[in-house]
Amino acid sequence: MNSILANYSASISELKKSPSSIIEDAGSEAVAILNHNKASAYLVPAQTYEKLMEIVDDYLLSKEIDKRLHDSSNLLEVNIDEL
């Protein structure tokens, strides 16, 4: 059985009837959208989504930094006095 990762849930039928009331009732929380009692989607507030995208972007950037730090084939030796 799959877990529902939200404190609020609504069926697709409820979402079709009144999407704004579902968003209003949940406040700043995510809402699990259920289809046959299984989560088929999550409705998250815009602010939460934006924060998640920042976290994903930071994570991907850190992976690229790690990759470049461990790739010694493109290293250039420089003298700090010459800079």
N, C-alpha and C. Protein backbone atom coordinates (compact mmCIF):
# COMPACT_ATOMS: atom_id res chain seq x y z
N MET A 1 0.84 -1.19 0.00
CA MET A 1 0.00 0.00 0.00
C MET A 1 0.88 1.25 0.00
N ASN A 2 0.54 2.21 -0.84
CA ASN A 2 1.29 3.46 -0.92
C ASN A 2 0.82 4.44 0.14
N SER A 3 1.77 5.15 0.72
CA SER A 3 1.45 6.16 1.73
C SER A 3 0.94 7.42 1.05
N ILE A 4 0.09 8.13 1.76
CA ILE A 4 -0.35 9.44 1.31
C ILE A 4 0.49 10.46 2.06
N LEU A 5 1.27 11.24 1.34
CA LEU A 5 2.24 12.14 1.94
C LEU A 5 1.70 13.55 2.10
N ALA A 6 0.51 13.65 2.67
CA ALA A 6 -0.10 14.96 2.90
C ALA A 6 -1.09 14.84 4.04
N ASN A 7 -1.29 15.95 4.75
CA ASN A 7 -2.27 15.96 5.84
C ASN A 7 -3.69 16.14 5.33
N TYR A 8 -3.84 16.63 4.12
CA TYR A 8 -5.14 16.85 3.52
C TYR A 8 -5.26 16.02 2.26
N SER A 9 -6.49 15.60 1.97
CA SER A 9 -6.73 14.86 0.73
C SER A 9 -8.09 15.23 0.18
N ALA A 10 -8.23 15.03 -1.12
CA ALA A 10 -9.49 15.29 -1.80
C ALA A 10 -9.56 14.37 -3.00
N SER A 11 -10.77 13.99 -3.36
CA SER A 11 -10.94 13.17 -4.55
C SER A 11 -10.89 14.05 -5.79
N ILE A 12 -10.70 13.43 -6.92
CA ILE A 12 -10.70 14.18 -8.18
C ILE A 12 -12.06 14.84 -8.38
N SER A 13 -13.13 14.15 -7.99
CA SER A 13 -14.48 14.73 -8.11
C SER A 13 -14.61 16.00 -7.28
N GLU A 14 -14.09 15.96 -6.05
CA GLU A 14 -14.13 17.16 -5.20
C GLU A 14 -13.31 18.29 -5.81
N LEU A 15 -12.18 17.94 -6.39
CA LEU A 15 -11.32 18.94 -7.01
C LEU A 15 -12.04 19.60 -8.19
N LYS A 16 -12.76 18.80 -8.98
CA LYS A 16 -13.50 19.35 -10.12
C LYS A 16 -14.61 20.29 -9.66
N LYS A 17 -15.29 19.92 -8.56
CA LYS A 17 -16.41 20.73 -8.06
C LYS A 17 -15.97 22.08 -7.52
N SER A 18 -14.93 22.07 -6.71
CA SER A 18 -14.55 23.30 -6.03
C SER A 18 -13.05 23.36 -5.73
N PRO A 19 -12.23 23.61 -6.74
CA PRO A 19 -10.78 23.64 -6.50
C PRO A 19 -10.36 24.74 -5.54
N SER A 20 -10.99 25.90 -5.61
CA SER A 20 -10.58 27.00 -4.74
C SER A 20 -10.88 26.71 -3.27
N SER A 21 -11.97 26.00 -2.98
CA SER A 21 -12.26 25.69 -1.58
C SER A 21 -11.28 24.66 -1.01
N ILE A 22 -10.81 23.75 -1.84
CA ILE A 22 -9.82 22.76 -1.39
C ILE A 22 -8.51 23.48 -1.05
N ILE A 23 -8.10 24.38 -1.92
CA ILE A 23 -6.87 25.15 -1.67
C ILE A 23 -7.03 26.00 -0.42
N GLU A 24 -8.17 26.62 -0.27
CA GLU A 24 -8.43 27.48 0.89
C GLU A 24 -8.44 26.67 2.19
N ASP A 25 -9.08 25.50 2.17
CA ASP A 25 -9.16 24.66 3.37
C ASP A 25 -7.79 24.14 3.80
N ALA A 26 -6.93 23.84 2.84
CA ALA A 26 -5.62 23.30 3.16
C ALA A 26 -4.65 24.38 3.63
N GLY A 27 -4.93 25.61 3.31
CA GLY A 27 -4.04 26.71 3.71
C GLY A 27 -2.70 26.58 3.01
N SER A 28 -1.63 26.47 3.78
CA SER A 28 -0.29 26.38 3.20
C SER A 28 0.20 24.94 3.11
N GLU A 29 -0.70 23.99 3.25
CA GLU A 29 -0.34 22.57 3.21
C GLU A 29 -0.57 21.96 1.83
N ALA A 30 0.10 20.87 1.55
CA ALA A 30 -0.11 20.12 0.32
C ALA A 30 -1.41 19.31 0.44
N VAL A 31 -2.03 19.04 -0.69
CA VAL A 31 -3.26 18.24 -0.74
C VAL A 31 -3.01 17.05 -1.64
N ALA A 32 -3.29 15.86 -1.14
CA ALA A 32 -3.18 14.66 -1.97
C ALA A 32 -4.49 14.54 -2.76
N ILE A 33 -4.39 14.40 -4.07
CA ILE A 33 -5.56 14.20 -4.91
C ILE A 33 -5.69 12.70 -5.15
N LEU A 34 -6.82 12.17 -4.72
CA LEU A 34 -7.03 10.73 -4.74
C LEU A 34 -7.87 10.28 -5.92
N ASN A 35 -7.50 9.16 -6.49
CA ASN A 35 -8.27 8.49 -7.53
C ASN A 35 -8.41 7.04 -7.08
N HIS A 36 -9.62 6.63 -6.78
CA HIS A 36 -9.88 5.29 -6.24
C HIS A 36 -9.06 5.04 -4.97
N ASN A 37 -9.05 6.05 -4.09
CA ASN A 37 -8.38 6.00 -2.78
C ASN A 37 -6.86 5.84 -2.86
N LYS A 38 -6.27 6.18 -3.99
CA LYS A 38 -4.82 6.17 -4.15
C LYS A 38 -4.39 7.56 -4.61
N ALA A 39 -3.29 8.03 -4.06
CA ALA A 39 -2.79 9.35 -4.46
C ALA A 39 -2.39 9.33 -5.93
N SER A 40 -3.01 10.21 -6.70
CA SER A 40 -2.66 10.30 -8.12
C SER A 40 -1.90 11.59 -8.42
N ALA A 41 -1.99 12.55 -7.50
CA ALA A 41 -1.28 13.82 -7.66
C ALA A 41 -1.24 14.53 -6.32
N TYR A 42 -0.38 15.52 -6.25
CA TYR A 42 -0.31 16.39 -5.07
C TYR A 42 -0.47 17.82 -5.53
N LEU A 43 -1.30 18.54 -4.84
CA LEU A 43 -1.53 19.95 -5.10
C LEU A 43 -0.78 20.72 -4.02
N VAL A 44 0.21 21.49 -4.43
CA VAL A 44 1.02 22.22 -3.45
C VAL A 44 0.90 23.72 -3.70
N PRO A 45 0.96 24.50 -2.64
CA PRO A 45 0.92 25.96 -2.81
C PRO A 45 2.11 26.44 -3.63
N ALA A 46 1.93 27.54 -4.34
CA ALA A 46 2.97 28.07 -5.22
C ALA A 46 4.26 28.33 -4.45
N GLN A 47 4.16 28.88 -3.25
CA GLN A 47 5.36 29.18 -2.46
C GLN A 47 6.13 27.90 -2.13
N THR A 48 5.43 26.83 -1.81
CA THR A 48 6.07 25.55 -1.51
C THR A 48 6.75 24.99 -2.76
N TYR A 49 6.07 25.07 -3.89
CA TYR A 49 6.64 24.57 -5.14
C TYR A 49 7.91 25.34 -5.50
N GLU A 50 7.87 26.66 -5.36
CA GLU A 50 9.04 27.48 -5.66
C GLU A 50 10.22 27.10 -4.76
N LYS A 51 9.95 26.86 -3.48
CA LYS A 51 11.00 26.46 -2.55
C LYS A 51 11.58 25.09 -2.94
N LEU A 52 10.71 24.17 -3.33
CA LEU A 52 11.17 22.85 -3.77
C LEU A 52 12.07 22.96 -5.00
N MET A 53 11.71 23.83 -5.93
CA MET A 53 12.51 24.01 -7.13
C MET A 53 13.88 24.62 -6.79
N GLU A 54 13.92 25.51 -5.81
CA GLU A 54 15.21 26.06 -5.36
C GLU A 54 16.07 24.96 -4.75
N ILE A 55 15.47 24.09 -3.96
CA ILE A 55 16.21 22.98 -3.33
C ILE A 55 16.77 22.04 -4.40
N VAL A 56 15.95 21.71 -5.39
CA VAL A 56 16.39 20.82 -6.47
C VAL A 56 17.53 21.48 -7.25
N ASP A 57 17.39 22.77 -7.54
CA ASP A 57 18.43 23.49 -8.28
C ASP A 57 19.74 23.52 -7.49
N ASP A 58 19.66 23.79 -6.19
CA ASP A 58 20.86 23.78 -5.34
C ASP A 58 21.51 22.40 -5.30
N TYR A 59 20.70 21.36 -5.23
CA TYR A 59 21.22 20.00 -5.20
C TYR A 59 21.95 19.67 -6.50
N LEU A 60 21.32 19.99 -7.63
CA LEU A 60 21.95 19.70 -8.92
C LEU A 60 23.24 20.50 -9.09
N LEU A 61 23.24 21.74 -8.63
CA LEU A 61 24.45 22.55 -8.70
C LEU A 61 25.56 21.95 -7.84
N SER A 62 25.21 21.47 -6.65
CA SER A 62 26.23 20.85 -5.78
C SER A 62 26.80 19.58 -6.41
N LYS A 63 25.96 18.82 -7.11
CA LYS A 63 26.46 17.62 -7.80
C LYS A 63 27.45 18.00 -8.90
N GLU A 64 27.16 19.08 -9.63
CA GLU A 64 28.06 19.54 -10.69
C GLU A 64 29.37 20.03 -10.10
N ILE A 65 29.30 20.73 -8.98
CA ILE A 65 30.51 21.21 -8.30
C ILE A 65 31.37 20.03 -7.86
N ASP A 66 30.75 19.03 -7.25
CA ASP A 66 31.49 17.84 -6.82
C ASP A 66 32.15 17.15 -8.01
N LYS A 67 31.42 17.06 -9.11
CA LYS A 67 31.96 16.41 -10.31
C LYS A 67 33.20 17.17 -10.81
N ARG A 68 33.10 18.48 -10.86
CA ARG A 68 34.22 19.28 -11.36
C ARG A 68 35.40 19.28 -10.40
N LEU A 69 35.15 19.24 -9.11
CA LEU A 69 36.25 19.20 -8.13
C LEU A 69 37.05 17.91 -8.21
N HIS A 70 36.39 16.84 -8.60
CA HIS A 70 37.07 15.54 -8.67
C HIS A 70 37.58 15.20 -10.06
N ASP A 71 37.40 16.11 -11.02
CA ASP A 71 37.91 15.91 -12.38
C ASP A 71 39.21 16.68 -12.53
N SER A 72 40.32 15.97 -12.42
CA SER A 72 41.63 16.64 -12.46
C SER A 72 42.14 16.85 -13.88
N SER A 73 41.43 16.43 -14.89
CA SER A 73 41.92 16.55 -16.27
C SER A 73 41.90 18.00 -16.78
N ASN A 74 41.08 18.85 -16.22
CA ASN A 74 40.96 20.23 -16.69
C ASN A 74 41.57 21.25 -15.73
N LEU A 75 42.45 20.82 -14.86
CA LEU A 75 43.04 21.74 -13.90
C LEU A 75 44.12 22.59 -14.56
N LEU A 76 44.18 23.84 -14.16
CA LEU A 76 45.22 24.76 -14.64
C LEU A 76 46.02 25.23 -13.44
N GLU A 77 47.32 25.17 -13.59
CA GLU A 77 48.18 25.68 -12.51
C GLU A 77 48.41 27.15 -12.74
N VAL A 78 48.17 27.94 -11.68
CA VAL A 78 48.35 29.39 -11.77
C VAL A 78 49.19 29.87 -10.61
N ASN A 79 49.82 31.00 -10.83
CA ASN A 79 50.59 31.65 -9.79
C ASN A 79 49.79 32.85 -9.31
N ILE A 80 49.51 32.90 -8.04
CA ILE A 80 48.68 33.96 -7.47
C ILE A 80 49.30 35.34 -7.69
N ASP A 81 50.62 35.43 -7.73
CA ASP A 81 51.29 36.71 -7.95
C ASP A 81 51.10 37.23 -9.37
N GLU A 82 50.89 36.33 -10.30
CA GLU A 82 50.68 36.72 -11.70
C GLU A 82 49.25 37.19 -11.95
N LEU A 83 48.38 36.88 -11.05
CA LEU A 83 46.99 37.30 -11.23
C LEU A 83 46.87 38.71 -10.78
